[in-house]
Amino acid sequence: MKPVNVISKRAIREFGERHPDSRGALEQWFKVSKAARWSSPIDVRKQYATADAVPPFTVFDICGNKYRLIAEIVFARKMVLVRKILTHADYDRGAWKK
């Protein structure tokens, strides 16, 4: 089984530039996710116990829940699409769900 393809490194880089304290955690998330062989939400939860399914997205806690990475995972295509990375306050406002 091949690893997943993570799209977009650019979003991770840009968020890290605006929030330097997130860089290490985002790079670690990218590295782990890129090597992952997820075929279901259960596989994701095995690596990221705090990941929440908010269909059609999966929400990952970054930096001890200070930030949230919202991804769309297409298991059949082995793709993880980074849709948004937000501060927890921005996440709580809920605009990303629209």
N, C-alpha and C. Protein backbone atom coordinates (compact mmCIF):
# COMPACT_ATOMS: atom_id res chain seq x y z
N MET A 1 0.84 -1.17 0.00
CA MET A 1 0.00 0.00 0.00
C MET A 1 0.90 1.24 0.00
N LYS A 2 0.62 2.16 -0.90
CA LYS A 2 1.46 3.35 -1.02
C LYS A 2 1.07 4.41 0.01
N PRO A 3 2.04 5.29 0.36
CA PRO A 3 1.72 6.36 1.31
C PRO A 3 0.81 7.40 0.67
N VAL A 4 0.22 8.24 1.51
CA VAL A 4 -0.68 9.27 1.00
C VAL A 4 0.11 10.45 0.42
N ASN A 5 -0.53 11.18 -0.44
CA ASN A 5 0.04 12.40 -1.03
C ASN A 5 -0.60 13.58 -0.30
N VAL A 6 0.24 14.40 0.34
CA VAL A 6 -0.27 15.55 1.10
C VAL A 6 -0.18 16.80 0.23
N ILE A 7 -1.31 17.46 0.07
CA ILE A 7 -1.42 18.69 -0.70
C ILE A 7 -2.06 19.72 0.25
N SER A 8 -1.53 20.75 0.68
CA SER A 8 -0.55 21.58 0.08
C SER A 8 0.50 22.00 1.10
N LYS A 9 1.70 21.76 0.76
CA LYS A 9 2.84 22.19 1.58
C LYS A 9 2.86 23.71 1.68
N ARG A 10 2.40 24.38 0.65
CA ARG A 10 2.38 25.85 0.63
C ARG A 10 1.55 26.42 1.78
N ALA A 11 0.38 25.85 2.02
CA ALA A 11 -0.48 26.33 3.11
C ALA A 11 0.23 26.17 4.45
N ILE A 12 0.94 25.07 4.61
CA ILE A 12 1.69 24.83 5.85
C ILE A 12 2.81 25.85 5.99
N ARG A 13 3.55 26.08 4.92
CA ARG A 13 4.65 27.04 4.94
C ARG A 13 4.14 28.46 5.25
N GLU A 14 3.07 28.87 4.59
CA GLU A 14 2.54 30.22 4.78
C GLU A 14 2.01 30.42 6.20
N PHE A 15 1.32 29.43 6.74
CA PHE A 15 0.82 29.55 8.11
C PHE A 15 2.00 29.63 9.08
N GLY A 16 3.02 28.81 8.84
CA GLY A 16 4.21 28.83 9.68
C GLY A 16 4.93 30.16 9.66
N GLU A 17 4.87 30.85 8.55
CA GLU A 17 5.47 32.18 8.47
C GLU A 17 4.70 33.18 9.32
N ARG A 18 3.39 33.06 9.35
CA ARG A 18 2.55 33.97 10.15
C ARG A 18 2.56 33.61 11.64
N HIS A 19 2.75 32.31 11.92
CA HIS A 19 2.73 31.80 13.30
C HIS A 19 3.97 30.92 13.50
N PRO A 20 5.13 31.55 13.73
CA PRO A 20 6.39 30.80 13.81
C PRO A 20 6.39 29.66 14.84
N ASP A 21 5.63 29.79 15.91
CA ASP A 21 5.61 28.73 16.92
C ASP A 21 4.94 27.45 16.41
N SER A 22 4.25 27.53 15.29
CA SER A 22 3.57 26.35 14.74
C SER A 22 4.45 25.54 13.78
N ARG A 23 5.56 26.13 13.34
CA ARG A 23 6.37 25.50 12.29
C ARG A 23 6.79 24.07 12.59
N GLY A 24 7.37 23.86 13.76
CA GLY A 24 7.86 22.51 14.10
C GLY A 24 6.74 21.49 14.10
N ALA A 25 5.63 21.83 14.72
CA ALA A 25 4.49 20.90 14.80
C ALA A 25 3.89 20.64 13.42
N LEU A 26 3.80 21.68 12.59
CA LEU A 26 3.25 21.50 11.24
C LEU A 26 4.19 20.65 10.38
N GLU A 27 5.49 20.88 10.50
CA GLU A 27 6.46 20.07 9.75
C GLU A 27 6.38 18.61 10.18
N GLN A 28 6.23 18.39 11.47
CA GLN A 28 6.10 17.02 11.98
C GLN A 28 4.82 16.37 11.46
N TRP A 29 3.71 17.12 11.48
CA TRP A 29 2.45 16.60 10.95
C TRP A 29 2.61 16.23 9.48
N PHE A 30 3.26 17.11 8.71
CA PHE A 30 3.47 16.87 7.28
C PHE A 30 4.30 15.61 7.08
N LYS A 31 5.37 15.49 7.82
CA LYS A 31 6.27 14.33 7.68
C LYS A 31 5.54 13.02 8.00
N VAL A 32 4.83 13.00 9.10
CA VAL A 32 4.10 11.79 9.51
C VAL A 32 2.99 11.48 8.51
N SER A 33 2.24 12.50 8.12
CA SER A 33 1.12 12.29 7.21
C SER A 33 1.58 11.82 5.83
N LYS A 34 2.67 12.38 5.36
CA LYS A 34 3.19 12.01 4.05
C LYS A 34 3.64 10.54 4.00
N ALA A 35 4.10 10.03 5.12
CA ALA A 35 4.56 8.64 5.19
C ALA A 35 3.42 7.67 5.55
N ALA A 36 2.26 8.22 5.91
CA ALA A 36 1.14 7.39 6.37
C ALA A 36 0.57 6.53 5.25
N ARG A 37 -0.05 5.46 5.66
CA ARG A 37 -0.73 4.56 4.73
C ARG A 37 -2.18 4.39 5.19
N TRP A 38 -2.83 5.53 5.36
CA TRP A 38 -4.20 5.54 5.87
C TRP A 38 -5.17 5.02 4.82
N SER A 39 -6.06 4.14 5.26
CA SER A 39 -7.11 3.67 4.36
C SER A 39 -8.50 3.90 4.95
N SER A 40 -8.54 4.47 6.17
CA SER A 40 -9.82 4.75 6.82
C SER A 40 -9.60 5.75 7.95
N PRO A 41 -10.68 6.33 8.45
CA PRO A 41 -10.55 7.22 9.61
C PRO A 41 -9.95 6.52 10.83
N ILE A 42 -10.18 5.25 10.94
CA ILE A 42 -9.61 4.48 12.06
C ILE A 42 -8.08 4.51 12.00
N ASP A 43 -7.53 4.39 10.80
CA ASP A 43 -6.07 4.46 10.64
C ASP A 43 -5.55 5.83 11.06
N VAL A 44 -6.27 6.88 10.72
CA VAL A 44 -5.87 8.24 11.10
C VAL A 44 -5.85 8.35 12.62
N ARG A 45 -6.89 7.86 13.27
CA ARG A 45 -7.00 7.96 14.73
C ARG A 45 -5.93 7.14 15.44
N LYS A 46 -5.41 6.11 14.79
CA LYS A 46 -4.31 5.33 15.38
C LYS A 46 -3.06 6.20 15.52
N GLN A 47 -2.83 7.10 14.58
CA GLN A 47 -1.67 7.99 14.63
C GLN A 47 -1.98 9.29 15.33
N TYR A 48 -3.18 9.78 15.17
CA TYR A 48 -3.59 11.05 15.75
C TYR A 48 -4.88 10.83 16.54
N ALA A 49 -4.71 10.45 17.79
CA ALA A 49 -5.87 10.11 18.63
C ALA A 49 -6.85 11.27 18.80
N THR A 50 -6.36 12.49 18.68
CA THR A 50 -7.24 13.65 18.86
C THR A 50 -7.86 14.14 17.56
N ALA A 51 -7.57 13.50 16.45
CA ALA A 51 -8.15 13.91 15.17
C ALA A 51 -9.67 13.70 15.23
N ASP A 52 -10.39 14.69 14.77
CA ASP A 52 -11.86 14.63 14.78
C ASP A 52 -12.40 14.60 13.36
N ALA A 53 -13.34 13.71 13.12
CA ALA A 53 -14.03 13.67 11.84
C ALA A 53 -15.18 14.67 11.91
N VAL A 54 -15.13 15.65 11.00
CA VAL A 54 -16.19 16.64 10.85
C VAL A 54 -16.51 16.62 9.35
N PRO A 55 -17.28 15.60 8.92
CA PRO A 55 -17.47 15.36 7.49
C PRO A 55 -17.76 16.62 6.69
N PRO A 56 -17.10 16.78 5.58
CA PRO A 56 -16.18 15.86 4.92
C PRO A 56 -14.71 16.05 5.33
N PHE A 57 -14.46 16.67 6.47
CA PHE A 57 -13.10 16.99 6.88
C PHE A 57 -12.63 16.16 8.05
N THR A 58 -11.32 16.19 8.25
CA THR A 58 -10.69 15.68 9.45
C THR A 58 -9.94 16.86 10.06
N VAL A 59 -10.15 17.08 11.35
CA VAL A 59 -9.54 18.22 12.04
C VAL A 59 -8.45 17.69 12.97
N PHE A 60 -7.24 18.23 12.78
CA PHE A 60 -6.09 17.84 13.57
C PHE A 60 -5.72 18.96 14.53
N ASP A 61 -5.41 18.60 15.78
CA ASP A 61 -4.91 19.56 16.75
C ASP A 61 -3.41 19.76 16.49
N ILE A 62 -2.98 21.01 16.45
CA ILE A 62 -1.58 21.35 16.23
C ILE A 62 -1.11 22.20 17.41
N CYS A 63 0.08 21.94 17.88
CA CYS A 63 0.66 22.70 19.01
C CYS A 63 -0.23 22.61 20.25
N GLY A 64 -0.58 21.40 20.62
CA GLY A 64 -1.39 21.23 21.82
C GLY A 64 -2.74 21.90 21.74
N ASN A 65 -3.32 21.90 20.55
CA ASN A 65 -4.66 22.43 20.31
C ASN A 65 -4.70 23.95 20.18
N LYS A 66 -3.53 24.57 20.06
CA LYS A 66 -3.49 26.03 19.85
C LYS A 66 -3.94 26.36 18.44
N TYR A 67 -3.66 25.45 17.51
CA TYR A 67 -4.03 25.61 16.11
C TYR A 67 -4.80 24.39 15.64
N ARG A 68 -5.53 24.56 14.56
CA ARG A 68 -6.29 23.45 13.96
C ARG A 68 -5.96 23.36 12.48
N LEU A 69 -5.64 22.17 12.04
CA LEU A 69 -5.41 21.91 10.62
C LEU A 69 -6.61 21.13 10.12
N ILE A 70 -7.28 21.67 9.13
CA ILE A 70 -8.47 21.05 8.55
C ILE A 70 -8.09 20.46 7.22
N ALA A 71 -8.28 19.16 7.10
CA ALA A 71 -7.90 18.45 5.88
C ALA A 71 -9.07 17.64 5.36
N GLU A 72 -9.05 17.47 4.07
CA GLU A 72 -9.99 16.55 3.42
C GLU A 72 -9.18 15.34 3.01
N ILE A 73 -9.54 14.19 3.51
CA ILE A 73 -8.80 12.97 3.20
C ILE A 73 -9.62 12.14 2.23
N VAL A 74 -9.03 11.86 1.07
CA VAL A 74 -9.68 11.02 0.06
C VAL A 74 -8.96 9.68 0.12
N PHE A 75 -9.50 8.78 0.91
CA PHE A 75 -8.83 7.51 1.17
C PHE A 75 -8.62 6.69 -0.10
N ALA A 76 -9.60 6.66 -0.98
CA ALA A 76 -9.50 5.86 -2.21
C ALA A 76 -8.35 6.33 -3.11
N ARG A 77 -8.05 7.61 -3.04
CA ARG A 77 -6.97 8.17 -3.89
C ARG A 77 -5.67 8.40 -3.13
N LYS A 78 -5.68 8.08 -1.83
CA LYS A 78 -4.49 8.28 -0.99
C LYS A 78 -4.05 9.74 -1.01
N MET A 79 -5.02 10.65 -0.83
CA MET A 79 -4.73 12.07 -0.86
C MET A 79 -5.22 12.75 0.42
N VAL A 80 -4.38 13.66 0.91
CA VAL A 80 -4.75 14.52 2.02
C VAL A 80 -4.65 15.95 1.51
N LEU A 81 -5.76 16.63 1.47
CA LEU A 81 -5.79 18.02 0.99
C LEU A 81 -5.93 18.95 2.19
N VAL A 82 -4.91 19.77 2.43
CA VAL A 82 -4.97 20.73 3.52
C VAL A 82 -5.90 21.86 3.07
N ARG A 83 -7.03 22.00 3.73
CA ARG A 83 -8.02 23.01 3.35
C ARG A 83 -7.81 24.32 4.09
N LYS A 84 -7.52 24.24 5.38
CA LYS A 84 -7.32 25.43 6.20
C LYS A 84 -6.42 25.08 7.37
N ILE A 85 -5.69 26.07 7.84
CA ILE A 85 -4.99 25.98 9.11
C ILE A 85 -5.39 27.25 9.85
N LEU A 86 -5.91 27.08 11.05
CA LEU A 86 -6.49 28.20 11.78
C LEU A 86 -6.00 28.23 13.22
N THR A 87 -6.08 29.42 13.81
CA THR A 87 -5.92 29.49 15.26
C THR A 87 -7.16 28.84 15.87
N HIS A 88 -7.06 28.46 17.11
CA HIS A 88 -8.22 27.83 17.75
C HIS A 88 -9.40 28.81 17.79
N ALA A 89 -9.11 30.09 18.02
CA ALA A 89 -10.18 31.10 18.05
C ALA A 89 -10.89 31.21 16.71
N ASP A 90 -10.12 31.22 15.62
CA ASP A 90 -10.73 31.28 14.28
C ASP A 90 -11.54 30.02 14.01
N TYR A 91 -11.03 28.89 14.44
CA TYR A 91 -11.74 27.62 14.27
C TYR A 91 -13.10 27.68 14.99
N ASP A 92 -13.08 28.18 16.21
CA ASP A 92 -14.31 28.24 17.01
C ASP A 92 -15.39 29.12 16.38
N ARG A 93 -14.98 30.09 15.58
CA ARG A 93 -15.96 30.95 14.90
C ARG A 93 -16.76 30.17 13.87
N GLY A 94 -16.21 29.08 13.36
CA GLY A 94 -16.94 28.17 12.49
C GLY A 94 -17.07 28.54 11.03
N ALA A 95 -16.50 29.63 10.60
CA ALA A 95 -16.66 30.06 9.20
C ALA A 95 -16.07 29.05 8.22
N TRP A 96 -15.09 28.26 8.66
CA TRP A 96 -14.44 27.28 7.79
C TRP A 96 -15.41 26.17 7.34
N LYS A 97 -16.49 25.98 8.05
CA LYS A 97 -17.43 24.90 7.71
C LYS A 97 -18.25 25.20 6.47
N LYS A 98 -18.29 26.47 6.04
CA LYS A 98 -19.13 26.85 4.92
C LYS A 98 -18.44 26.61 3.60
